[in-house]
Amino acid sequence: MTGNNPTDRSKLGTKRHILTDAKGIPLSAVISSASTHDIKLVTDVVDNTIIKRSSSSSSLTKRSLSGKRKLQHLCLDKAYNSKTAKQEIIRRGYVPHLPYKRKRGEIKTETQKMPNRKKHPAARRWVVERTNSWHNRFRKLYTRYEKKAENYLGLVQFSCCIIIYRKIILG
């Protein structure tokens, strides 16, 4: 699960890809080597959610009290910004919120701010960063000592269970 790559300066390591709800409660956790790009694992993270979304036949969950369709929003960082990843997210029924990724040497102008775009609430990336901080409080996760990926994934999932217990049950 670890490997050398020039982008991570030949460091060995493991990435934790975490999907959370609006309160920071983990819904999905996937691990990969540090040399794996984030775009390759966006579908795995979305597909491995513990709580599955309800089917489209249920009209109660699809429609709110006002009769409008309830959309599921997904806030991502710049690393997930690609056409294929965006299409896969939309195909799975999510509305992606991705920050604009400038090309190298491109200067930010007023026309790039997309004037026809509706105002949306600010992205909540800090929620995921807070959940990552909660994971780093577990000493077994902060520094990886396990050789097998299955053992490390089990510890990540166990820490997710403890986080859920602390946030939901204990308040």
C-alpha atoms as a PDB file:
ATOM      1  CA  MET A   1       0.000   0.000   0.000  1.00  0.00           C
ATOM      2  CA  THR A   2       2.968   2.342  -0.069  1.00  0.00           C
ATOM      3  CA  GLY A   3       5.190   3.420  -2.890  1.00  0.00           C
ATOM      4  CA  ASN A   4       7.610   5.964  -4.243  1.00  0.00           C
ATOM      5  CA  ASN A   5       6.419   8.899  -6.294  1.00  0.00           C
ATOM      6  CA  PRO A   6       8.069  12.229  -7.146  1.00  0.00           C
ATOM      7  CA  THR A   7       5.012  14.160  -5.979  1.00  0.00           C
ATOM      8  CA  ASP A   8       5.342  12.919  -2.412  1.00  0.00           C
ATOM      9  CA  ARG A   9       9.159  13.260  -2.496  1.00  0.00           C
ATOM     10  CA  SER A  10       9.770   9.493  -2.400  1.00  0.00           C
ATOM     11  CA  LYS A  11       8.167   9.166   1.011  1.00  0.00           C
ATOM     12  CA  LEU A  12       6.366   6.003   1.926  1.00  0.00           C
ATOM     13  CA  GLY A  13       2.933   6.455   3.323  1.00  0.00           C
ATOM     14  CA  THR A  14      -0.773   5.814   3.314  1.00  0.00           C
ATOM     15  CA  LYS A  15      -3.695   8.087   2.499  1.00  0.00           C
ATOM     16  CA  ARG A  16      -7.052   7.914   4.223  1.00  0.00           C
ATOM     17  CA  HIS A  17      -9.936   8.961   1.976  1.00  0.00           C
ATOM     18  CA  ILE A  18     -12.928   9.817   4.160  1.00  0.00           C
ATOM     19  CA  LEU A  19     -16.522  10.691   3.284  1.00  0.00           C
ATOM     20  CA  THR A  20     -18.417  12.485   6.056  1.00  0.00           C
ATOM     21  CA  ASP A  21     -21.823  13.968   6.600  1.00  0.00           C
ATOM     22  CA  ALA A  22     -22.403  17.638   7.424  1.00  0.00           C
ATOM     23  CA  LYS A  23     -21.525  17.076  11.105  1.00  0.00           C
ATOM     24  CA  GLY A  24     -18.235  15.316  10.397  1.00  0.00           C
ATOM     25  CA  ILE A  25     -19.459  11.804  11.174  1.00  0.00           C
ATOM     26  CA  PRO A  26     -17.567   9.377   8.904  1.00  0.00           C
ATOM     27  CA  LEU A  27     -19.703   7.489   6.392  1.00  0.00           C
ATOM     28  CA  SER A  28     -16.953   5.853   4.348  1.00  0.00           C
ATOM     29  CA  ALA A  29     -13.222   5.271   4.701  1.00  0.00           C
ATOM     30  CA  VAL A  30     -10.836   3.926   2.067  1.00  0.00           C
ATOM     31  CA  ILE A  31      -7.058   3.659   2.320  1.00  0.00           C
ATOM     32  CA  SER A  32      -4.521   3.796  -0.501  1.00  0.00           C
ATOM     33  CA  SER A  33      -0.816   4.291  -1.005  1.00  0.00           C
ATOM     34  CA  ALA A  34       0.503   7.831  -0.914  1.00  0.00           C
ATOM     35  CA  SER A  35       1.455   7.607  -4.582  1.00  0.00           C
ATOM     36  CA  THR A  36      -2.127   6.935  -5.749  1.00  0.00           C
ATOM     37  CA  HIS A  37      -3.910   9.987  -7.109  1.00  0.00           C
ATOM     38  CA  ASP A  38      -7.177  11.011  -5.463  1.00  0.00           C
ATOM     39  CA  ILE A  39      -9.191  10.897  -8.705  1.00  0.00           C
ATOM     40  CA  LYS A  40      -8.766   7.135  -8.950  1.00  0.00           C
ATOM     41  CA  LEU A  41     -10.483   6.537  -5.600  1.00  0.00           C
ATOM     42  CA  VAL A  42     -13.392   8.985  -5.620  1.00  0.00           C
ATOM     43  CA  THR A  43     -15.833   6.317  -6.837  1.00  0.00           C
ATOM     44  CA  ASP A  44     -14.604   3.801  -4.237  1.00  0.00           C
ATOM     45  CA  VAL A  45     -15.167   6.264  -1.414  1.00  0.00           C
ATOM     46  CA  VAL A  46     -18.684   7.123  -2.597  1.00  0.00           C
ATOM     47  CA  ASP A  47     -19.608   3.470  -3.242  1.00  0.00           C
ATOM     48  CA  ASN A  48     -18.359   2.232   0.153  1.00  0.00           C
ATOM     49  CA  THR A  49     -20.726   4.334   2.233  1.00  0.00           C
ATOM     50  CA  ILE A  50     -22.135   2.572   5.262  1.00  0.00           C
ATOM     51  CA  ILE A  51     -25.543   4.204   5.041  1.00  0.00           C
ATOM     52  CA  LYS A  52     -26.932   3.690   1.565  1.00  0.00           C
ATOM     53  CA  ARG A  53     -29.086   6.377   0.008  1.00  0.00           C
ATOM     54  CA  SER A  54     -32.724   5.496  -0.431  1.00  0.00           C
ATOM     55  CA  SER A  55     -33.953   4.291  -3.805  1.00  0.00           C
ATOM     56  CA  SER A  56     -35.507   6.655  -6.322  1.00  0.00           C
ATOM     57  CA  SER A  57     -38.905   4.957  -5.959  1.00  0.00           C
ATOM     58  CA  SER A  58     -39.397   6.414  -2.505  1.00  0.00           C
ATOM     59  CA  SER A  59     -41.185   9.698  -2.984  1.00  0.00           C
ATOM     60  CA  LEU A  60     -40.994  10.603   0.696  1.00  0.00           C
ATOM     61  CA  THR A  61     -37.235  10.992   0.754  1.00  0.00           C
ATOM     62  CA  LYS A  62     -36.926  12.507  -2.710  1.00  0.00           C
ATOM     63  CA  ARG A  63     -39.392  15.280  -2.062  1.00  0.00           C
ATOM     64  CA  SER A  64     -39.358  17.686   0.814  1.00  0.00           C
ATOM     65  CA  LEU A  65     -42.420  19.297   2.333  1.00  0.00           C
ATOM     66  CA  SER A  66     -42.424  22.083  -0.250  1.00  0.00           C
ATOM     67  CA  GLY A  67     -42.559  19.586  -3.129  1.00  0.00           C
ATOM     68  CA  LYS A  68     -39.078  20.326  -4.441  1.00  0.00           C
ATOM     69  CA  ARG A  69     -36.607  17.567  -5.143  1.00  0.00           C
ATOM     70  CA  LYS A  70     -34.072  17.056  -2.360  1.00  0.00           C
ATOM     71  CA  LEU A  71     -30.542  16.990  -3.767  1.00  0.00           C
ATOM     72  CA  GLN A  72     -27.517  15.344  -2.206  1.00  0.00           C
ATOM     73  CA  HIS A  73     -24.518  17.695  -2.321  1.00  0.00           C
ATOM     74  CA  LEU A  74     -20.905  16.537  -2.272  1.00  0.00           C
ATOM     75  CA  CYS A  75     -18.110  19.017  -1.468  1.00  0.00           C
ATOM     76  CA  LEU A  76     -14.701  18.028  -2.813  1.00  0.00           C
ATOM     77  CA  ASP A  77     -11.283  19.638  -2.936  1.00  0.00           C
ATOM     78  CA  LYS A  78      -9.251  20.554  -6.037  1.00  0.00           C
ATOM     79  CA  ALA A  79      -7.607  17.134  -6.258  1.00  0.00           C
ATOM     80  CA  TYR A  80     -10.885  15.569  -7.418  1.00  0.00           C
ATOM     81  CA  ASN A  81     -11.438  18.103 -10.215  1.00  0.00           C
ATOM     82  CA  SER A  82     -11.615  16.111 -13.468  1.00  0.00           C
ATOM     83  CA  LYS A  83     -14.302  15.471 -16.054  1.00  0.00           C
ATOM     84  CA  THR A  84     -14.458  11.717 -15.455  1.00  0.00           C
ATOM     85  CA  ALA A  85     -14.678  12.058 -11.665  1.00  0.00           C
ATOM     86  CA  LYS A  86     -17.367  14.727 -11.980  1.00  0.00           C
ATOM     87  CA  GLN A  87     -19.384  12.533 -14.366  1.00  0.00           C
ATOM     88  CA  GLU A  88     -19.157   9.539 -12.032  1.00  0.00           C
ATOM     89  CA  ILE A  89     -20.303  11.632  -9.076  1.00  0.00           C
ATOM     90  CA  ILE A  90     -23.259  13.000 -11.050  1.00  0.00           C
ATOM     91  CA  ARG A  91     -24.119   9.491 -12.270  1.00  0.00           C
ATOM     92  CA  ARG A  92     -24.325   8.342  -8.646  1.00  0.00           C
ATOM     93  CA  GLY A  93     -26.873  11.070  -7.880  1.00  0.00           C
ATOM     94  CA  TYR A  94     -24.739  13.727  -6.182  1.00  0.00           C
ATOM     95  CA  VAL A  95     -24.312  17.407  -6.973  1.00  0.00           C
ATOM     96  CA  PRO A  96     -20.531  18.014  -6.982  1.00  0.00           C
ATOM     97  CA  HIS A  97     -19.071  21.227  -5.564  1.00  0.00           C
ATOM     98  CA  LEU A  98     -15.534  21.563  -6.850  1.00  0.00           C
ATOM     99  CA  PRO A  99     -13.340  24.663  -6.659  1.00  0.00           C
ATOM    100  CA  TYR A 100     -12.006  25.940  -9.970  1.00  0.00           C
ATOM    101  CA  LYS A 101      -8.518  24.647 -10.742  1.00  0.00           C
ATOM    102  CA  ARG A 102      -6.421  27.113 -12.726  1.00  0.00           C
ATOM    103  CA  LYS A 103      -3.974  25.876 -15.286  1.00  0.00           C
ATOM    104  CA  ARG A 104      -0.287  26.616 -14.799  1.00  0.00           C
ATOM    105  CA  GLY A 105       0.552  30.216 -15.693  1.00  0.00           C
ATOM    106  CA  GLU A 106      -3.121  31.246 -15.961  1.00  0.00           C
ATOM    107  CA  ILE A 107      -4.085  34.523 -14.337  1.00  0.00           C
ATOM    108  CA  LYS A 108      -7.333  34.782 -12.387  1.00  0.00           C
ATOM    109  CA  THR A 109      -9.778  37.127 -14.119  1.00  0.00           C
ATOM    110  CA  GLU A 110     -13.301  38.319 -13.427  1.00  0.00           C
ATOM    111  CA  THR A 111     -14.746  36.298 -16.337  1.00  0.00           C
ATOM    112  CA  GLN A 112     -13.548  33.031 -14.796  1.00  0.00           C
ATOM    113  CA  LYS A 113     -15.788  33.517 -11.774  1.00  0.00           C
ATOM    114  CA  MET A 114     -18.730  32.224 -13.871  1.00  0.00           C
ATOM    115  CA  PRO A 115     -21.230  35.108 -13.699  1.00  0.00           C
ATOM    116  CA  ASN A 116     -24.238  32.875 -14.564  1.00  0.00           C
ATOM    117  CA  ARG A 117     -23.580  30.617 -11.609  1.00  0.00           C
ATOM    118  CA  LYS A 118     -26.035  30.725  -8.721  1.00  0.00           C
ATOM    119  CA  LYS A 119     -24.782  31.518  -5.256  1.00  0.00           C
ATOM    120  CA  HIS A 120     -24.197  28.386  -3.223  1.00  0.00           C
ATOM    121  CA  PRO A 121     -23.162  28.096   0.394  1.00  0.00           C
ATOM    122  CA  ALA A 122     -19.425  27.966   0.960  1.00  0.00           C
ATOM    123  CA  ALA A 123     -17.765  24.575   0.692  1.00  0.00           C
ATOM    124  CA  ARG A 124     -17.440  22.738   3.991  1.00  0.00           C
ATOM    125  CA  ARG A 125     -14.032  21.172   3.504  1.00  0.00           C
ATOM    126  CA  TRP A 126     -13.135  21.981   7.118  1.00  0.00           C
ATOM    127  CA  VAL A 127     -15.594  19.319   8.280  1.00  0.00           C
ATOM    128  CA  VAL A 128     -13.506  16.594   6.648  1.00  0.00           C
ATOM    129  CA  GLU A 129     -10.281  18.144   7.936  1.00  0.00           C
ATOM    130  CA  ARG A 130     -11.732  18.069  11.448  1.00  0.00           C
ATOM    131  CA  THR A 131     -12.595  14.374  11.008  1.00  0.00           C
ATOM    132  CA  ASN A 132      -9.017  13.740   9.847  1.00  0.00           C
ATOM    133  CA  SER A 133      -7.846  15.443  13.033  1.00  0.00           C
ATOM    134  CA  TRP A 134     -10.088  13.164  15.081  1.00  0.00           C
ATOM    135  CA  HIS A 135      -8.483  10.169  13.333  1.00  0.00           C
ATOM    136  CA  ASN A 136      -4.991  11.489  14.058  1.00  0.00           C
ATOM    137  CA  ARG A 137      -5.768  11.507  17.774  1.00  0.00           C
ATOM    138  CA  PHE A 138      -5.633   7.720  17.663  1.00  0.00           C
ATOM    139  CA  ARG A 139      -1.975   6.844  18.133  1.00  0.00           C
ATOM    140  CA  LYS A 140      -2.217   3.682  16.020  1.00  0.00           C
ATOM    141  CA  LEU A 141      -3.423   5.729  13.044  1.00  0.00           C
ATOM    142  CA  TYR A 142      -1.153   8.757  13.336  1.00  0.00           C
ATOM    143  CA  THR A 143       1.924   6.629  12.678  1.00  0.00           C
ATOM    144  CA  ARG A 144       1.247   3.446  10.759  1.00  0.00           C
ATOM    145  CA  TYR A 145       2.917   0.452  12.374  1.00  0.00           C
ATOM    146  CA  GLU A 146       0.869  -2.294  10.687  1.00  0.00           C
ATOM    147  CA  LYS A 147       2.389  -4.071   7.712  1.00  0.00           C
ATOM    148  CA  LYS A 148      -0.833  -5.487   6.307  1.00  0.00           C
ATOM    149  CA  ALA A 149      -3.298  -3.116   4.689  1.00  0.00           C
ATOM    150  CA  GLU A 150      -6.241  -5.124   6.030  1.00  0.00           C
ATOM    151  CA  ASN A 151      -5.127  -4.571   9.615  1.00  0.00           C
ATOM    152  CA  TYR A 152      -4.688  -0.839   9.088  1.00  0.00           C
ATOM    153  CA  LEU A 153      -8.084  -0.568   7.360  1.00  0.00           C
ATOM    154  CA  GLY A 154      -9.642  -2.400  10.306  1.00  0.00           C
ATOM    155  CA  LEU A 155      -8.124   0.125  12.707  1.00  0.00           C
ATOM    156  CA  VAL A 156      -9.404   3.013  10.571  1.00  0.00           C
ATOM    157  CA  GLN A 157     -12.898   1.512  10.550  1.00  0.00           C
ATOM    158  CA  PHE A 158     -12.734   0.885  14.296  1.00  0.00           C
ATOM    159  CA  SER A 159     -11.734   4.504  14.898  1.00  0.00           C
ATOM    160  CA  CYS A 160     -14.697   5.564  12.734  1.00  0.00           C
ATOM    161  CA  CYS A 161     -16.955   3.517  15.019  1.00  0.00           C
ATOM    162  CA  ILE A 162     -15.500   5.207  18.097  1.00  0.00           C
ATOM    163  CA  ILE A 163     -15.968   8.651  16.521  1.00  0.00           C
ATOM    164  CA  ILE A 164     -19.585   7.839  15.665  1.00  0.00           C
ATOM    165  CA  TYR A 165     -20.186   6.570  19.226  1.00  0.00           C
ATOM    166  CA  ARG A 166     -18.673   9.701  20.749  1.00  0.00           C
ATOM    167  CA  LYS A 167     -20.626  12.107  18.534  1.00  0.00           C
ATOM    168  CA  ILE A 168     -24.029  10.422  18.400  1.00  0.00           C
ATOM    169  CA  ILE A 169     -24.360   8.532  21.680  1.00  0.00           C
ATOM    170  CA  LEU A 170     -22.311  10.686  24.035  1.00  0.00           C
ATOM    171  CA  GLY A 171     -23.250  13.947  22.320  1.00  0.00           C
END
